[in-house]
């Protein structure tokens, strides 16, 4: 599987979180939202200006800002 930054994913693309590159408060906040390595998700949509991004993860929809998505490495499912 190809590994890219979450911001680069397209709508309807699926992936698995590979790593969280943020430290401190931001890293903890991202993990508290359920975004931990090994978690599967899909990109459900983007706002008109591409920020934020809506993810479907563990049965719920989560909105994530691009500056948060920049810290998340994912493996894209082909």
N, C-alpha and C. Protein backbone atom coordinates (compact mmCIF):
# COMPACT_ATOMS: atom_id res chain seq x y z
N UNK A 1 0.84 -1.19 0.00
CA UNK A 1 0.00 0.00 0.00
C UNK A 1 0.88 1.25 0.00
N UNK A 2 0.43 2.26 -0.72
CA UNK A 2 1.15 3.53 -0.76
C UNK A 2 0.91 4.31 0.51
N UNK A 3 1.94 4.99 1.00
CA UNK A 3 1.81 5.78 2.22
C UNK A 3 1.89 7.26 1.86
N UNK A 4 0.84 8.01 2.24
CA UNK A 4 0.78 9.45 1.94
C UNK A 4 0.25 10.19 3.16
N UNK A 5 0.21 11.50 3.03
CA UNK A 5 -0.35 12.37 4.05
C UNK A 5 -1.88 12.39 3.90
N UNK A 6 -2.62 12.44 4.99
CA UNK A 6 -4.08 12.42 4.94
C UNK A 6 -4.65 13.55 4.10
N UNK A 7 -4.03 14.70 4.09
CA UNK A 7 -4.53 15.84 3.31
C UNK A 7 -4.58 15.52 1.82
N UNK A 8 -3.72 14.63 1.34
CA UNK A 8 -3.64 14.31 -0.08
C UNK A 8 -4.70 13.32 -0.55
N UNK A 9 -5.48 12.76 0.35
CA UNK A 9 -6.46 11.76 -0.04
C UNK A 9 -7.67 12.39 -0.72
N UNK A 10 -8.25 11.65 -1.65
CA UNK A 10 -9.42 12.10 -2.39
C UNK A 10 -10.70 11.59 -1.73
N UNK A 11 -11.81 12.22 -2.06
CA UNK A 11 -13.12 11.78 -1.56
C UNK A 11 -13.38 10.35 -2.02
N UNK A 12 -13.94 9.54 -1.14
CA UNK A 12 -14.26 8.12 -1.34
C UNK A 12 -13.04 7.20 -1.30
N UNK A 13 -11.88 7.73 -1.03
CA UNK A 13 -10.69 6.90 -0.89
C UNK A 13 -10.67 6.32 0.52
N UNK A 14 -10.15 5.09 0.64
CA UNK A 14 -10.07 4.42 1.94
C UNK A 14 -8.61 4.23 2.32
N UNK A 15 -8.38 4.17 3.64
CA UNK A 15 -7.02 3.99 4.10
C UNK A 15 -6.96 3.49 5.53
N UNK A 16 -5.73 3.27 5.97
CA UNK A 16 -5.45 2.84 7.34
C UNK A 16 -4.41 3.81 7.89
N UNK A 17 -4.64 4.30 9.10
CA UNK A 17 -3.69 5.22 9.71
C UNK A 17 -2.39 4.48 10.01
N UNK A 18 -1.28 5.03 9.51
CA UNK A 18 0.03 4.42 9.70
C UNK A 18 0.79 5.05 10.87
N UNK A 19 0.71 6.38 10.99
CA UNK A 19 1.44 7.06 12.05
C UNK A 19 0.87 8.44 12.30
N UNK A 20 1.02 8.91 13.54
CA UNK A 20 0.67 10.28 13.93
C UNK A 20 1.99 11.00 14.16
N UNK A 21 2.24 12.05 13.39
CA UNK A 21 3.52 12.77 13.44
C UNK A 21 3.50 13.98 14.36
N UNK A 22 2.38 14.24 15.05
CA UNK A 22 2.28 15.39 15.95
C UNK A 22 2.68 15.00 17.36
N UNK A 23 3.28 15.94 18.06
CA UNK A 23 3.66 15.74 19.45
C UNK A 23 2.81 16.64 20.34
N UNK A 24 2.92 16.45 21.62
CA UNK A 24 2.30 17.34 22.59
C UNK A 24 0.78 17.33 22.54
N UNK A 25 0.21 18.50 22.77
CA UNK A 25 -1.25 18.66 22.86
C UNK A 25 -1.96 18.24 21.57
N UNK A 26 -1.43 18.64 20.42
CA UNK A 26 -2.06 18.29 19.15
C UNK A 26 -2.05 16.79 18.92
N UNK A 27 -0.93 16.14 19.19
CA UNK A 27 -0.85 14.69 19.03
C UNK A 27 -1.84 13.97 19.93
N UNK A 28 -1.95 14.43 21.17
CA UNK A 28 -2.90 13.82 22.10
C UNK A 28 -4.34 14.03 21.64
N UNK A 29 -4.64 15.23 21.16
CA UNK A 29 -5.99 15.54 20.68
C UNK A 29 -6.37 14.66 19.49
N UNK A 30 -5.45 14.47 18.56
CA UNK A 30 -5.71 13.62 17.39
C UNK A 30 -5.98 12.19 17.84
N UNK A 31 -5.17 11.66 18.74
CA UNK A 31 -5.37 10.29 19.23
C UNK A 31 -6.66 10.17 20.03
N UNK A 32 -7.02 11.21 20.79
CA UNK A 32 -8.27 11.19 21.57
C UNK A 32 -9.50 11.11 20.67
N UNK A 33 -9.38 11.59 19.43
CA UNK A 33 -10.50 11.52 18.49
C UNK A 33 -10.64 10.13 17.87
N UNK A 34 -9.75 9.21 18.23
CA UNK A 34 -9.82 7.85 17.70
C UNK A 34 -8.90 7.61 16.52
N UNK A 35 -8.11 8.60 16.17
CA UNK A 35 -7.19 8.47 15.04
C UNK A 35 -5.86 7.90 15.53
N UNK A 36 -5.81 6.59 15.63
CA UNK A 36 -4.61 5.89 16.11
C UNK A 36 -4.13 4.92 15.03
N UNK A 37 -2.84 4.61 15.00
CA UNK A 37 -2.32 3.69 13.99
C UNK A 37 -3.10 2.37 13.96
N UNK A 38 -3.39 1.91 12.74
CA UNK A 38 -4.12 0.66 12.54
C UNK A 38 -5.61 0.86 12.31
N UNK A 39 -6.12 2.07 12.50
CA UNK A 39 -7.55 2.34 12.35
C UNK A 39 -7.90 2.56 10.88
N UNK A 40 -8.93 1.86 10.41
CA UNK A 40 -9.40 2.02 9.03
C UNK A 40 -10.40 3.16 8.96
N UNK A 41 -10.42 3.87 7.84
CA UNK A 41 -11.35 4.99 7.64
C UNK A 41 -11.56 5.23 6.15
N UNK A 42 -12.52 6.09 5.84
CA UNK A 42 -12.71 6.53 4.46
C UNK A 42 -12.97 8.03 4.46
N UNK A 43 -12.57 8.68 3.38
CA UNK A 43 -12.81 10.11 3.22
C UNK A 43 -14.20 10.27 2.63
N UNK A 44 -15.09 10.95 3.34
CA UNK A 44 -16.48 11.09 2.93
C UNK A 44 -16.76 12.36 2.17
N UNK A 45 -15.99 13.41 2.42
CA UNK A 45 -16.23 14.66 1.71
C UNK A 45 -15.27 15.74 2.14
N UNK A 46 -15.33 16.84 1.40
CA UNK A 46 -14.51 18.01 1.71
C UNK A 46 -15.38 19.25 1.52
N UNK A 47 -15.09 20.26 2.30
CA UNK A 47 -15.78 21.54 2.15
C UNK A 47 -15.36 22.16 0.81
N UNK A 48 -16.12 23.15 0.31
CA UNK A 48 -15.79 23.75 -0.99
C UNK A 48 -14.35 24.26 -1.12
N UNK A 49 -13.77 24.75 -0.06
CA UNK A 49 -12.39 25.22 -0.13
C UNK A 49 -11.39 24.17 0.34
N UNK A 50 -11.83 22.89 0.38
CA UNK A 50 -11.01 21.72 0.72
C UNK A 50 -10.67 21.61 2.21
N UNK A 51 -11.24 22.47 3.05
CA UNK A 51 -10.96 22.43 4.48
C UNK A 51 -12.24 22.75 5.24
N UNK A 52 -12.76 21.89 6.07
CA UNK A 52 -12.18 20.66 6.59
C UNK A 52 -12.50 19.44 5.71
N UNK A 53 -12.01 18.30 6.16
CA UNK A 53 -12.26 17.02 5.51
C UNK A 53 -13.13 16.18 6.44
N UNK A 54 -14.11 15.46 5.88
CA UNK A 54 -14.98 14.60 6.67
C UNK A 54 -14.53 13.15 6.51
N UNK A 55 -14.29 12.48 7.63
CA UNK A 55 -13.86 11.08 7.63
C UNK A 55 -14.94 10.21 8.23
N UNK A 56 -15.10 9.02 7.71
CA UNK A 56 -15.98 8.01 8.32
C UNK A 56 -15.06 7.02 9.00
N UNK A 57 -15.16 6.95 10.34
CA UNK A 57 -14.24 6.15 11.11
C UNK A 57 -14.98 5.55 12.30
N UNK A 58 -14.86 4.25 12.48
CA UNK A 58 -15.47 3.52 13.60
C UNK A 58 -16.96 3.82 13.77
N UNK A 59 -17.69 3.94 12.66
CA UNK A 59 -19.13 4.12 12.72
C UNK A 59 -19.61 5.55 12.92
N UNK A 60 -18.72 6.53 12.91
CA UNK A 60 -19.16 7.92 13.02
C UNK A 60 -18.39 8.78 12.02
N UNK A 61 -18.91 9.99 11.81
CA UNK A 61 -18.27 10.93 10.89
C UNK A 61 -17.52 11.97 11.71
N UNK A 62 -16.29 12.20 11.32
CA UNK A 62 -15.40 13.12 12.03
C UNK A 62 -14.90 14.18 11.06
N UNK A 63 -15.00 15.45 11.44
CA UNK A 63 -14.44 16.54 10.64
C UNK A 63 -13.06 16.87 11.17
N UNK A 64 -12.13 17.04 10.25
CA UNK A 64 -10.75 17.28 10.62
C UNK A 64 -10.20 18.42 9.77
N UNK A 65 -9.55 19.39 10.40
CA UNK A 65 -8.94 20.49 9.66
C UNK A 65 -7.69 19.98 8.93
N UNK A 66 -7.36 20.64 7.84
CA UNK A 66 -6.18 20.24 7.08
C UNK A 66 -4.89 20.39 7.88
N UNK A 67 -4.81 21.40 8.76
CA UNK A 67 -3.59 21.55 9.55
C UNK A 67 -3.44 20.40 10.55
N UNK A 68 -4.53 19.72 10.91
CA UNK A 68 -4.46 18.51 11.73
C UNK A 68 -4.15 17.30 10.85
N UNK A 69 -4.77 17.25 9.67
CA UNK A 69 -4.56 16.13 8.74
C UNK A 69 -3.11 16.06 8.26
N UNK A 70 -2.41 17.18 8.26
CA UNK A 70 -1.00 17.22 7.84
C UNK A 70 -0.11 16.34 8.71
N UNK A 71 -0.54 16.06 9.93
CA UNK A 71 0.27 15.30 10.88
C UNK A 71 -0.06 13.81 10.88
N UNK A 72 -0.90 13.36 9.95
CA UNK A 72 -1.35 11.97 9.93
C UNK A 72 -0.89 11.29 8.64
N UNK A 73 -0.07 10.26 8.79
CA UNK A 73 0.39 9.44 7.65
C UNK A 73 -0.55 8.25 7.50
N UNK A 74 -0.95 7.96 6.27
CA UNK A 74 -1.89 6.87 6.03
C UNK A 74 -1.39 5.93 4.93
N UNK A 75 -1.84 4.70 4.99
CA UNK A 75 -1.62 3.74 3.91
C UNK A 75 -2.92 3.67 3.13
N UNK A 76 -2.86 4.01 1.85
CA UNK A 76 -4.05 4.07 1.01
C UNK A 76 -4.39 2.68 0.50
N UNK A 77 -5.66 2.30 0.60
CA UNK A 77 -6.12 1.04 0.04
C UNK A 77 -6.39 1.24 -1.43
N UNK A 78 -5.85 0.40 -2.24
CA UNK A 78 -6.00 0.52 -3.71
C UNK A 78 -7.35 0.07 -4.18
